[in-house]
């Protein structure tokens, strides 16, 4: 019988997983996980009380997750892990629109809307904005049939799934491009807001002296047959939190400049009231 000690435990646990895991990728992941996790525990000399606190933290994180909220994604985002995974899996090398985080409040099943529709279902006093552009491939050819799944928080700082005072699908919608690759939609000017702080992630941010604010942004997931899925944002130029995003997701190429617009013809075409804020922003997809 062998004794399990601090000197040999990591090697034994590593060997147990590596020697018995048949799937090559899972074997690689588990071996690295054991080595790094044990090294972390040894490096900081983790106490029993601290480990129990960590278990309670992870338990509470899971308990905050439901069909409307994903606290584990929020944890991943605020630790910078989501952006790191994204950077590894979507190297753009200067071509196409850059990716950024999905965020914890994406909801599948948003309604398909006619191009130019207003995604504001309940007016919350925000500034009217009209966003337009085109979706192209890396050779600047328009993409027909690209689906833009769009969502954002309101000026109240909440997504629809957080706010019982707004109808379902408020500030959400899906738009499909035609042969010209163009898209357009009406919404409200996105402003900065805090990530949820009523759960364990909020307590972590507070304990570490970090703010919970995100700069104003529109979320997009853009898909098209034969192209890599694009998960990205359009950030609001001039926002005070562009340099200190709580989830480390900002990129200069994703900053959009809104301009005051009094184009009567455009307003009449899409049922807008002047003046409004106008944003032109194009997306580039990469072929798979």
C-alpha atoms as a PDB file:
ATOM      1  CA  UNK A   1       0.000   0.000   0.000  1.00  0.00           C
ATOM      2  CA  UNK A   2       1.349   3.445  -0.945  1.00  0.00           C
ATOM      3  CA  UNK A   3       0.809   6.641   0.972  1.00  0.00           C
ATOM      4  CA  UNK A   4      -0.644   9.692  -0.785  1.00  0.00           C
ATOM      5  CA  UNK A   5       1.478  12.680   0.159  1.00  0.00           C
ATOM      6  CA  UNK A   6       1.898  16.268  -0.972  1.00  0.00           C
ATOM      7  CA  UNK A   7       5.044  15.173  -2.823  1.00  0.00           C
ATOM      8  CA  UNK A   8       3.478  12.383  -4.878  1.00  0.00           C
ATOM      9  CA  UNK A   9      -0.253  13.180  -5.021  1.00  0.00           C
ATOM     10  CA  UNK A  10      -0.197  15.282  -8.197  1.00  0.00           C
ATOM     11  CA  UNK A  11       1.768  12.658 -10.109  1.00  0.00           C
ATOM     12  CA  UNK A  12      -0.554   9.860  -8.961  1.00  0.00           C
ATOM     13  CA  UNK A  13      -3.768  11.746  -9.774  1.00  0.00           C
ATOM     14  CA  UNK A  14      -2.372  12.825 -13.139  1.00  0.00           C
ATOM     15  CA  UNK A  15      -1.406   9.273 -14.024  1.00  0.00           C
ATOM     16  CA  UNK A  16      -4.805   7.924 -12.955  1.00  0.00           C
ATOM     17  CA  UNK A  17      -6.629  10.202 -15.380  1.00  0.00           C
ATOM     18  CA  UNK A  18      -4.122  10.093 -18.230  1.00  0.00           C
ATOM     19  CA  UNK A  19      -3.755   6.301 -18.223  1.00  0.00           C
ATOM     20  CA  UNK A  20      -7.496   5.545 -18.104  1.00  0.00           C
ATOM     21  CA  UNK A  21      -9.054   8.242 -20.296  1.00  0.00           C
ATOM     22  CA  UNK A  22      -9.536   6.848 -23.798  1.00  0.00           C
ATOM     23  CA  UNK A  23     -10.525  10.058 -25.584  1.00  0.00           C
ATOM     24  CA  UNK A  24      -7.259  11.820 -26.610  1.00  0.00           C
ATOM     25  CA  UNK A  25      -8.516  15.388 -26.206  1.00  0.00           C
ATOM     26  CA  UNK A  26     -10.219  14.692 -22.867  1.00  0.00           C
ATOM     27  CA  UNK A  27      -7.029  12.967 -21.709  1.00  0.00           C
ATOM     28  CA  UNK A  28      -5.003  16.059 -22.617  1.00  0.00           C
ATOM     29  CA  UNK A  29      -7.485  18.384 -20.891  1.00  0.00           C
ATOM     30  CA  UNK A  30      -7.736  16.358 -17.685  1.00  0.00           C
ATOM     31  CA  UNK A  31      -3.972  15.903 -17.409  1.00  0.00           C
ATOM     32  CA  UNK A  32      -3.347  19.624 -17.785  1.00  0.00           C
ATOM     33  CA  UNK A  33      -6.210  20.482 -15.437  1.00  0.00           C
ATOM     34  CA  UNK A  34      -4.842  18.261 -12.668  1.00  0.00           C
ATOM     35  CA  UNK A  35      -1.318  19.667 -13.037  1.00  0.00           C
ATOM     36  CA  UNK A  36      -2.376  23.315 -13.069  1.00  0.00           C
ATOM     37  CA  UNK A  37      -5.013  22.988 -10.343  1.00  0.00           C
ATOM     38  CA  UNK A  38      -2.635  21.210  -7.977  1.00  0.00           C
ATOM     39  CA  UNK A  39       0.106  23.743  -8.774  1.00  0.00           C
ATOM     40  CA  UNK A  40      -2.300  26.589  -7.962  1.00  0.00           C
ATOM     41  CA  UNK A  41      -3.251  25.028  -4.604  1.00  0.00           C
ATOM     42  CA  UNK A  42       0.403  24.526  -3.703  1.00  0.00           C
ATOM     43  CA  UNK A  43       1.470  27.955  -4.907  1.00  0.00           C
ATOM     44  CA  UNK A  44      -0.963  29.871  -2.688  1.00  0.00           C
ATOM     45  CA  UNK A  45      -0.985  27.292   0.118  1.00  0.00           C
ATOM     46  CA  UNK A  46      -4.779  27.126   0.041  1.00  0.00           C
ATOM     47  CA  UNK A  47      -6.368  26.759   3.475  1.00  0.00           C
ATOM     48  CA  UNK A  48      -9.302  24.476   4.244  1.00  0.00           C
ATOM     49  CA  UNK A  49     -11.487  27.479   5.022  1.00  0.00           C
ATOM     50  CA  UNK A  50     -10.593  29.096   1.683  1.00  0.00           C
ATOM     51  CA  UNK A  51     -11.325  25.900  -0.233  1.00  0.00           C
ATOM     52  CA  UNK A  52     -14.702  25.577   1.472  1.00  0.00           C
ATOM     53  CA  UNK A  53     -15.436  29.208   0.622  1.00  0.00           C
ATOM     54  CA  UNK A  54     -14.566  28.438  -3.013  1.00  0.00           C
ATOM     55  CA  UNK A  55     -16.947  25.465  -3.004  1.00  0.00           C
ATOM     56  CA  UNK A  56     -19.702  27.659  -1.588  1.00  0.00           C
ATOM     57  CA  UNK A  57     -18.971  30.329  -4.211  1.00  0.00           C
ATOM     58  CA  UNK A  58     -19.230  27.844  -7.082  1.00  0.00           C
ATOM     59  CA  UNK A  59     -22.381  26.327  -5.593  1.00  0.00           C
ATOM     60  CA  UNK A  60     -23.984  29.774  -5.355  1.00  0.00           C
ATOM     61  CA  UNK A  61     -22.909  30.531  -8.922  1.00  0.00           C
ATOM     62  CA  UNK A  62     -24.720  27.441 -10.161  1.00  0.00           C
ATOM     63  CA  UNK A  63     -27.791  28.282  -8.121  1.00  0.00           C
ATOM     64  CA  UNK A  64     -28.032  31.673  -9.885  1.00  0.00           C
ATOM     65  CA  UNK A  65     -28.264  30.028 -13.304  1.00  0.00           C
ATOM     66  CA  UNK A  66     -31.601  29.470 -15.033  1.00  0.00           C
ATOM     67  CA  UNK A  67     -33.114  29.796 -18.521  1.00  0.00           C
ATOM     68  CA  UNK A  68     -32.846  33.592 -18.299  1.00  0.00           C
ATOM     69  CA  UNK A  69     -29.467  34.072 -16.620  1.00  0.00           C
ATOM     70  CA  UNK A  70     -26.076  32.382 -16.821  1.00  0.00           C
ATOM     71  CA  UNK A  71     -23.957  33.322 -13.818  1.00  0.00           C
ATOM     72  CA  UNK A  72     -21.145  30.979 -14.901  1.00  0.00           C
ATOM     73  CA  UNK A  73     -20.829  32.844 -18.199  1.00  0.00           C
ATOM     74  CA  UNK A  74     -20.737  36.089 -16.219  1.00  0.00           C
ATOM     75  CA  UNK A  75     -17.981  34.614 -14.035  1.00  0.00           C
ATOM     76  CA  UNK A  76     -16.037  33.553 -17.121  1.00  0.00           C
ATOM     77  CA  UNK A  77     -16.529  37.010 -18.650  1.00  0.00           C
ATOM     78  CA  UNK A  78     -15.392  38.967 -15.592  1.00  0.00           C
ATOM     79  CA  UNK A  79     -12.269  36.794 -15.196  1.00  0.00           C
ATOM     80  CA  UNK A  80     -11.291  37.408 -18.823  1.00  0.00           C
ATOM     81  CA  UNK A  81     -11.608  33.708 -19.685  1.00  0.00           C
ATOM     82  CA  UNK A  82     -14.374  34.218 -22.253  1.00  0.00           C
ATOM     83  CA  UNK A  83     -12.248  36.684 -24.208  1.00  0.00           C
ATOM     84  CA  UNK A  84      -9.216  34.401 -24.029  1.00  0.00           C
ATOM     85  CA  UNK A  85     -11.174  31.408 -25.350  1.00  0.00           C
ATOM     86  CA  UNK A  86     -12.613  33.622 -28.076  1.00  0.00           C
ATOM     87  CA  UNK A  87      -9.178  34.896 -29.113  1.00  0.00           C
ATOM     88  CA  UNK A  88      -7.830  31.335 -29.350  1.00  0.00           C
ATOM     89  CA  UNK A  89     -10.749  30.076 -31.423  1.00  0.00           C
ATOM     90  CA  UNK A  90     -11.343  33.047 -33.718  1.00  0.00           C
ATOM     91  CA  UNK A  91      -8.004  34.486 -34.879  1.00  0.00           C
ATOM     92  CA  UNK A  92      -8.973  37.067 -37.495  1.00  0.00           C
ATOM     93  CA  UNK A  93      -5.474  38.114 -38.576  1.00  0.00           C
ATOM     94  CA  UNK A  94      -6.839  41.474 -39.644  1.00  0.00           C
ATOM     95  CA  UNK A  95      -9.598  40.024 -41.848  1.00  0.00           C
ATOM     96  CA  UNK A  96     -13.308  40.168 -41.087  1.00  0.00           C
ATOM     97  CA  UNK A  97     -15.074  41.699 -38.110  1.00  0.00           C
ATOM     98  CA  UNK A  98     -13.557  40.814 -34.757  1.00  0.00           C
ATOM     99  CA  UNK A  99     -15.358  38.601 -32.271  1.00  0.00           C
ATOM    100  CA  UNK A 100     -16.144  39.423 -28.683  1.00  0.00           C
ATOM    101  CA  UNK A 101     -18.077  37.812 -25.819  1.00  0.00           C
ATOM    102  CA  UNK A 102     -21.612  36.395 -26.088  1.00  0.00           C
ATOM    103  CA  UNK A 103     -22.554  37.584 -22.611  1.00  0.00           C
ATOM    104  CA  UNK A 104     -24.874  35.958 -20.070  1.00  0.00           C
ATOM    105  CA  UNK A 105     -28.178  37.267 -21.473  1.00  0.00           C
ATOM    106  CA  UNK A 106     -28.341  35.839 -24.970  1.00  0.00           C
ATOM    107  CA  UNK A 107     -31.709  34.158 -25.564  1.00  0.00           C
ATOM    108  CA  UNK A 108     -32.380  32.006 -28.614  1.00  0.00           C
ATOM    109  CA  UNK A 109     -35.657  32.257 -30.469  1.00  0.00           C
ATOM    110  CA  UNK A 110     -35.895  36.002 -31.032  1.00  0.00           C
ATOM    111  CA  UNK A 111     -38.576  36.891 -33.617  1.00  0.00           C
ATOM    112  CA  UNK A 112     -37.748  37.339 -37.290  1.00  0.00           C
ATOM    113  CA  UNK A 113     -38.494  40.936 -38.241  1.00  0.00           C
ATOM    114  CA  UNK A 114     -38.774  42.855 -41.516  1.00  0.00           C
ATOM    115  CA  UNK A 115     -35.703  44.860 -42.376  1.00  0.00           C
ATOM    116  CA  UNK A 116     -35.816  48.307 -40.783  1.00  0.00           C
ATOM    117  CA  UNK A 117     -38.123  47.280 -37.923  1.00  0.00           C
ATOM    118  CA  UNK A 118     -37.932  48.955 -34.539  1.00  0.00           C
ATOM    119  CA  UNK A 119     -36.904  46.463 -31.833  1.00  0.00           C
ATOM    120  CA  UNK A 120     -38.120  48.760 -29.024  1.00  0.00           C
ATOM    121  CA  UNK A 121     -41.366  47.200 -27.772  1.00  0.00           C
ATOM    122  CA  UNK A 122     -41.740  49.536 -24.785  1.00  0.00           C
ATOM    123  CA  UNK A 123     -40.427  53.073 -24.828  1.00  0.00           C
ATOM    124  CA  UNK A 124     -38.190  53.658 -21.827  1.00  0.00           C
ATOM    125  CA  UNK A 125     -37.245  57.224 -22.689  1.00  0.00           C
ATOM    126  CA  UNK A 126     -34.166  56.371 -24.717  1.00  0.00           C
ATOM    127  CA  UNK A 127     -32.808  58.258 -27.706  1.00  0.00           C
ATOM    128  CA  UNK A 128     -34.023  56.917 -31.062  1.00  0.00           C
ATOM    129  CA  UNK A 129     -31.246  55.362 -33.120  1.00  0.00           C
ATOM    130  CA  UNK A 130     -31.110  53.849 -36.602  1.00  0.00           C
ATOM    131  CA  UNK A 131     -28.371  51.324 -37.366  1.00  0.00           C
ATOM    132  CA  UNK A 132     -27.521  50.231 -40.899  1.00  0.00           C
ATOM    133  CA  UNK A 133     -24.764  48.643 -42.924  1.00  0.00           C
ATOM    134  CA  UNK A 134     -23.970  45.542 -44.926  1.00  0.00           C
ATOM    135  CA  UNK A 135     -22.654  42.032 -44.353  1.00  0.00           C
ATOM    136  CA  UNK A 136     -19.876  40.954 -46.709  1.00  0.00           C
ATOM    137  CA  UNK A 137     -17.301  38.208 -47.181  1.00  0.00           C
ATOM    138  CA  UNK A 138     -13.557  38.808 -46.912  1.00  0.00           C
ATOM    139  CA  UNK A 139     -13.510  39.999 -50.538  1.00  0.00           C
ATOM    140  CA  UNK A 140     -16.195  42.610 -49.798  1.00  0.00           C
ATOM    141  CA  UNK A 141     -18.900  40.710 -51.691  1.00  0.00           C
ATOM    142  CA  UNK A 142     -22.388  41.071 -50.160  1.00  0.00           C
ATOM    143  CA  UNK A 143     -23.764  37.980 -48.419  1.00  0.00           C
ATOM    144  CA  UNK A 144     -27.338  37.002 -49.194  1.00  0.00           C
ATOM    145  CA  UNK A 145     -29.236  35.239 -46.389  1.00  0.00           C
ATOM    146  CA  UNK A 146     -27.053  36.334 -43.480  1.00  0.00           C
ATOM    147  CA  UNK A 147     -29.072  36.288 -40.242  1.00  0.00           C
ATOM    148  CA  UNK A 148     -28.333  39.039 -37.709  1.00  0.00           C
ATOM    149  CA  UNK A 149     -29.567  38.152 -34.221  1.00  0.00           C
ATOM    150  CA  UNK A 150     -29.578  41.456 -32.300  1.00  0.00           C
ATOM    151  CA  UNK A 151     -30.145  42.307 -28.633  1.00  0.00           C
ATOM    152  CA  UNK A 152     -29.254  45.008 -26.131  1.00  0.00           C
ATOM    153  CA  UNK A 153     -29.971  46.411 -22.685  1.00  0.00           C
ATOM    154  CA  UNK A 154     -32.369  49.320 -22.283  1.00  0.00           C
ATOM    155  CA  UNK A 155     -31.483  52.757 -20.980  1.00  0.00           C
ATOM    156  CA  UNK A 156     -32.746  51.441 -17.631  1.00  0.00           C
ATOM    157  CA  UNK A 157     -29.710  49.152 -17.616  1.00  0.00           C
ATOM    158  CA  UNK A 158     -31.602  45.875 -17.986  1.00  0.00           C
ATOM    159  CA  UNK A 159     -32.181  43.241 -20.636  1.00  0.00           C
ATOM    160  CA  UNK A 160     -35.792  42.192 -21.156  1.00  0.00           C
ATOM    161  CA  UNK A 161     -35.292  38.962 -19.188  1.00  0.00           C
ATOM    162  CA  UNK A 162     -34.249  41.058 -16.175  1.00  0.00           C
ATOM    163  CA  UNK A 163     -37.044  43.598 -16.347  1.00  0.00           C
ATOM    164  CA  UNK A 164     -40.619  42.495 -15.535  1.00  0.00           C
ATOM    165  CA  UNK A 165     -41.927  45.863 -16.740  1.00  0.00           C
ATOM    166  CA  UNK A 166     -41.127  45.223 -20.427  1.00  0.00           C
ATOM    167  CA  UNK A 167     -42.623  42.647 -22.826  1.00  0.00           C
ATOM    168  CA  UNK A 168     -40.759  39.568 -23.997  1.00  0.00           C
ATOM    169  CA  UNK A 169     -38.305  40.219 -26.852  1.00  0.00           C
ATOM    170  CA  UNK A 170     -37.994  43.898 -26.034  1.00  0.00           C
ATOM    171  CA  UNK A 171     -34.825  45.131 -27.763  1.00  0.00           C
ATOM    172  CA  UNK A 172     -34.321  41.791 -29.534  1.00  0.00           C
ATOM    173  CA  UNK A 173     -34.886  40.649 -33.092  1.00  0.00           C
ATOM    174  CA  UNK A 174     -33.510  38.772 -36.086  1.00  0.00           C
ATOM    175  CA  UNK A 175     -32.965  40.273 -39.514  1.00  0.00           C
ATOM    176  CA  UNK A 176     -32.047  38.453 -42.741  1.00  0.00           C
ATOM    177  CA  UNK A 177     -30.117  40.140 -45.525  1.00  0.00           C
ATOM    178  CA  UNK A 178     -31.085  40.052 -49.177  1.00  0.00           C
ATOM    179  CA  UNK A 179     -28.791  39.851 -52.246  1.00  0.00           C
ATOM    180  CA  UNK A 180     -27.330  43.301 -51.494  1.00  0.00           C
ATOM    181  CA  UNK A 181     -26.163  42.145 -48.034  1.00  0.00           C
ATOM    182  CA  UNK A 182     -27.658  45.244 -46.423  1.00  0.00           C
ATOM    183  CA  UNK A 183     -29.285  45.398 -43.009  1.00  0.00           C
ATOM    184  CA  UNK A 184     -30.985  48.129 -40.992  1.00  0.00           C
ATOM    185  CA  UNK A 185     -32.972  48.427 -37.784  1.00  0.00           C
ATOM    186  CA  UNK A 186     -34.328  51.024 -35.401  1.00  0.00           C
ATOM    187  CA  UNK A 187     -33.617  50.896 -31.681  1.00  0.00           C
ATOM    188  CA  UNK A 188     -32.619  53.141 -28.814  1.00  0.00           C
ATOM    189  CA  UNK A 189     -29.109  54.480 -28.320  1.00  0.00           C
ATOM    190  CA  UNK A 190     -27.342  51.972 -26.056  1.00  0.00           C
ATOM    191  CA  UNK A 191     -25.825  53.335 -22.875  1.00  0.00           C
ATOM    192  CA  UNK A 192     -23.511  51.971 -20.208  1.00  0.00           C
ATOM    193  CA  UNK A 193     -24.904  49.671 -17.525  1.00  0.00           C
ATOM    194  CA  UNK A 194     -23.678  47.368 -14.732  1.00  0.00           C
ATOM    195  CA  UNK A 195     -23.450  43.615 -15.047  1.00  0.00           C
ATOM    196  CA  UNK A 196     -25.632  41.928 -12.401  1.00  0.00           C
ATOM    197  CA  UNK A 197     -24.166  42.391  -8.934  1.00  0.00           C
ATOM    198  CA  UNK A 198     -26.816  40.581  -6.896  1.00  0.00           C
ATOM    199  CA  UNK A 199     -25.042  37.220  -7.131  1.00  0.00           C
ATOM    200  CA  UNK A 200     -21.651  35.715  -6.283  1.00  0.00           C
ATOM    201  CA  UNK A 201     -19.917  37.364  -9.241  1.00  0.00           C
ATOM    202  CA  UNK A 202     -21.018  40.779  -7.986  1.00  0.00           C
ATOM    203  CA  UNK A 203     -19.653  39.959  -4.544  1.00  0.00           C
ATOM    204  CA  UNK A 204     -16.354  38.903  -6.138  1.00  0.00           C
ATOM    205  CA  UNK A 205     -16.073  42.172  -8.082  1.00  0.00           C
ATOM    206  CA  UNK A 206     -16.825  44.191  -4.958  1.00  0.00           C
ATOM    207  CA  UNK A 207     -14.299  42.252  -2.861  1.00  0.00           C
ATOM    208  CA  UNK A 208     -11.639  42.873  -5.502  1.00  0.00           C
ATOM    209  CA  UNK A 209     -12.395  46.580  -5.826  1.00  0.00           C
ATOM    210  CA  UNK A 210     -13.577  46.309  -9.449  1.00  0.00           C
ATOM    211  CA  UNK A 211     -16.523  48.205 -10.905  1.00  0.00           C
ATOM    212  CA  UNK A 212     -19.284  46.281 -12.692  1.00  0.00           C
ATOM    213  CA  UNK A 213     -19.861  48.665 -15.595  1.00  0.00           C
ATOM    214  CA  UNK A 214     -19.978  47.837 -19.282  1.00  0.00           C
ATOM    215  CA  UNK A 215     -19.841  50.487 -22.014  1.00  0.00           C
ATOM    216  CA  UNK A 216     -22.961  50.878 -24.151  1.00  0.00           C
ATOM    217  CA  UNK A 217     -23.203  48.317 -26.936  1.00  0.00           C
ATOM    218  CA  UNK A 218     -25.370  46.345 -29.320  1.00  0.00           C
ATOM    219  CA  UNK A 219     -24.956  42.562 -29.388  1.00  0.00           C
ATOM    220  CA  UNK A 220     -24.885  40.663 -32.681  1.00  0.00           C
ATOM    221  CA  UNK A 221     -24.669  37.005 -33.604  1.00  0.00           C
ATOM    222  CA  UNK A 222     -24.385  36.784 -37.383  1.00  0.00           C
ATOM    223  CA  UNK A 223     -24.662  33.476 -39.230  1.00  0.00           C
ATOM    224  CA  UNK A 224     -24.669  32.509 -42.903  1.00  0.00           C
ATOM    225  CA  UNK A 225     -24.225  29.212 -44.699  1.00  0.00           C
ATOM    226  CA  UNK A 226     -20.564  28.602 -45.491  1.00  0.00           C
ATOM    227  CA  UNK A 227     -19.271  31.248 -43.073  1.00  0.00           C
ATOM    228  CA  UNK A 228     -17.858  31.247 -39.563  1.00  0.00           C
ATOM    229  CA  UNK A 229     -20.388  32.346 -36.944  1.00  0.00           C
ATOM    230  CA  UNK A 230     -19.655  35.899 -35.783  1.00  0.00           C
ATOM    231  CA  UNK A 231     -20.421  36.870 -32.174  1.00  0.00           C
ATOM    232  CA  UNK A 232     -19.665  40.531 -31.679  1.00  0.00           C
ATOM    233  CA  UNK A 233     -20.709  43.969 -30.368  1.00  0.00           C
ATOM    234  CA  UNK A 234     -20.922  47.496 -31.645  1.00  0.00           C
ATOM    235  CA  UNK A 235     -19.683  49.684 -28.794  1.00  0.00           C
ATOM    236  CA  UNK A 236     -20.797  53.291 -28.424  1.00  0.00           C
ATOM    237  CA  UNK A 237     -18.048  55.783 -29.232  1.00  0.00           C
ATOM    238  CA  UNK A 238     -17.174  58.161 -26.407  1.00  0.00           C
ATOM    239  CA  UNK A 239     -18.517  55.909 -23.665  1.00  0.00           C
ATOM    240  CA  UNK A 240     -16.653  56.478 -20.402  1.00  0.00           C
ATOM    241  CA  UNK A 241     -16.228  52.729 -19.778  1.00  0.00           C
ATOM    242  CA  UNK A 242     -14.598  51.796 -23.089  1.00  0.00           C
ATOM    243  CA  UNK A 243     -11.206  51.622 -21.365  1.00  0.00           C
ATOM    244  CA  UNK A 244     -12.373  49.625 -18.346  1.00  0.00           C
ATOM    245  CA  UNK A 245     -15.072  47.216 -19.517  1.00  0.00           C
ATOM    246  CA  UNK A 246     -15.950  44.886 -16.626  1.00  0.00           C
ATOM    247  CA  UNK A 247     -15.703  41.856 -18.938  1.00  0.00           C
ATOM    248  CA  UNK A 248     -12.601  42.951 -20.920  1.00  0.00           C
ATOM    249  CA  UNK A 249     -14.479  42.745 -24.235  1.00  0.00           C
ATOM    250  CA  UNK A 250     -13.812  46.086 -25.950  1.00  0.00           C
ATOM    251  CA  UNK A 251     -11.887  46.366 -29.216  1.00  0.00           C
ATOM    252  CA  UNK A 252     -11.257  49.588 -31.097  1.00  0.00           C
ATOM    253  CA  UNK A 253     -12.465  48.102 -34.399  1.00  0.00           C
ATOM    254  CA  UNK A 254     -15.883  47.482 -32.831  1.00  0.00           C
ATOM    255  CA  UNK A 255     -16.521  51.075 -31.767  1.00  0.00           C
ATOM    256  CA  UNK A 256     -19.284  52.772 -33.752  1.00  0.00           C
ATOM    257  CA  UNK A 257     -19.770  56.524 -34.125  1.00  0.00           C
ATOM    258  CA  UNK A 258     -23.390  57.675 -33.896  1.00  0.00           C
ATOM    259  CA  UNK A 259     -24.256  60.912 -35.666  1.00  0.00           C
ATOM    260  CA  UNK A 260     -27.251  63.212 -35.216  1.00  0.00           C
ATOM    261  CA  UNK A 261     -29.473  62.858 -38.286  1.00  0.00           C
ATOM    262  CA  UNK A 262     -32.413  64.869 -39.640  1.00  0.00           C
ATOM    263  CA  UNK A 263     -32.843  63.011 -42.935  1.00  0.00           C
ATOM    264  CA  UNK A 264     -36.587  63.416 -43.553  1.00  0.00           C
ATOM    265  CA  UNK A 265     -36.655  60.932 -46.439  1.00  0.00           C
ATOM    266  CA  UNK A 266     -34.961  58.205 -44.391  1.00  0.00           C
ATOM    267  CA  UNK A 267     -37.247  58.945 -41.449  1.00  0.00           C
ATOM    268  CA  UNK A 268     -40.351  58.663 -43.630  1.00  0.00           C
ATOM    269  CA  UNK A 269     -39.167  55.394 -45.200  1.00  0.00           C
ATOM    270  CA  UNK A 270     -38.795  53.670 -41.849  1.00  0.00           C
ATOM    271  CA  UNK A 271     -41.360  55.504 -39.727  1.00  0.00           C
ATOM    272  CA  UNK A 272     -38.861  57.449 -37.637  1.00  0.00           C
ATOM    273  CA  UNK A 273     -39.114  60.838 -35.996  1.00  0.00           C
ATOM    274  CA  UNK A 274     -36.370  63.381 -36.575  1.00  0.00           C
ATOM    275  CA  UNK A 275     -33.894  64.004 -35.195  1.00  0.00           C
ATOM    276  CA  UNK A 276     -32.399  60.576 -34.450  1.00  0.00           C
ATOM    277  CA  UNK A 277     -28.973  59.050 -34.049  1.00  0.00           C
ATOM    278  CA  UNK A 278     -27.603  57.308 -37.145  1.00  0.00           C
ATOM    279  CA  UNK A 279     -24.907  54.621 -37.138  1.00  0.00           C
ATOM    280  CA  UNK A 280     -23.311  53.052 -40.215  1.00  0.00           C
ATOM    281  CA  UNK A 281     -21.458  49.824 -39.453  1.00  0.00           C
ATOM    282  CA  UNK A 282     -20.462  46.992 -41.792  1.00  0.00           C
ATOM    283  CA  UNK A 283     -19.729  43.386 -40.819  1.00  0.00           C
ATOM    284  CA  UNK A 284     -17.280  41.034 -42.530  1.00  0.00           C
ATOM    285  CA  UNK A 285     -17.664  37.259 -42.257  1.00  0.00           C
ATOM    286  CA  UNK A 286     -14.984  34.634 -42.860  1.00  0.00           C
ATOM    287  CA  UNK A 287     -15.586  31.575 -45.031  1.00  0.00           C
ATOM    288  CA  UNK A 288     -15.385  28.231 -43.243  1.00  0.00           C
END
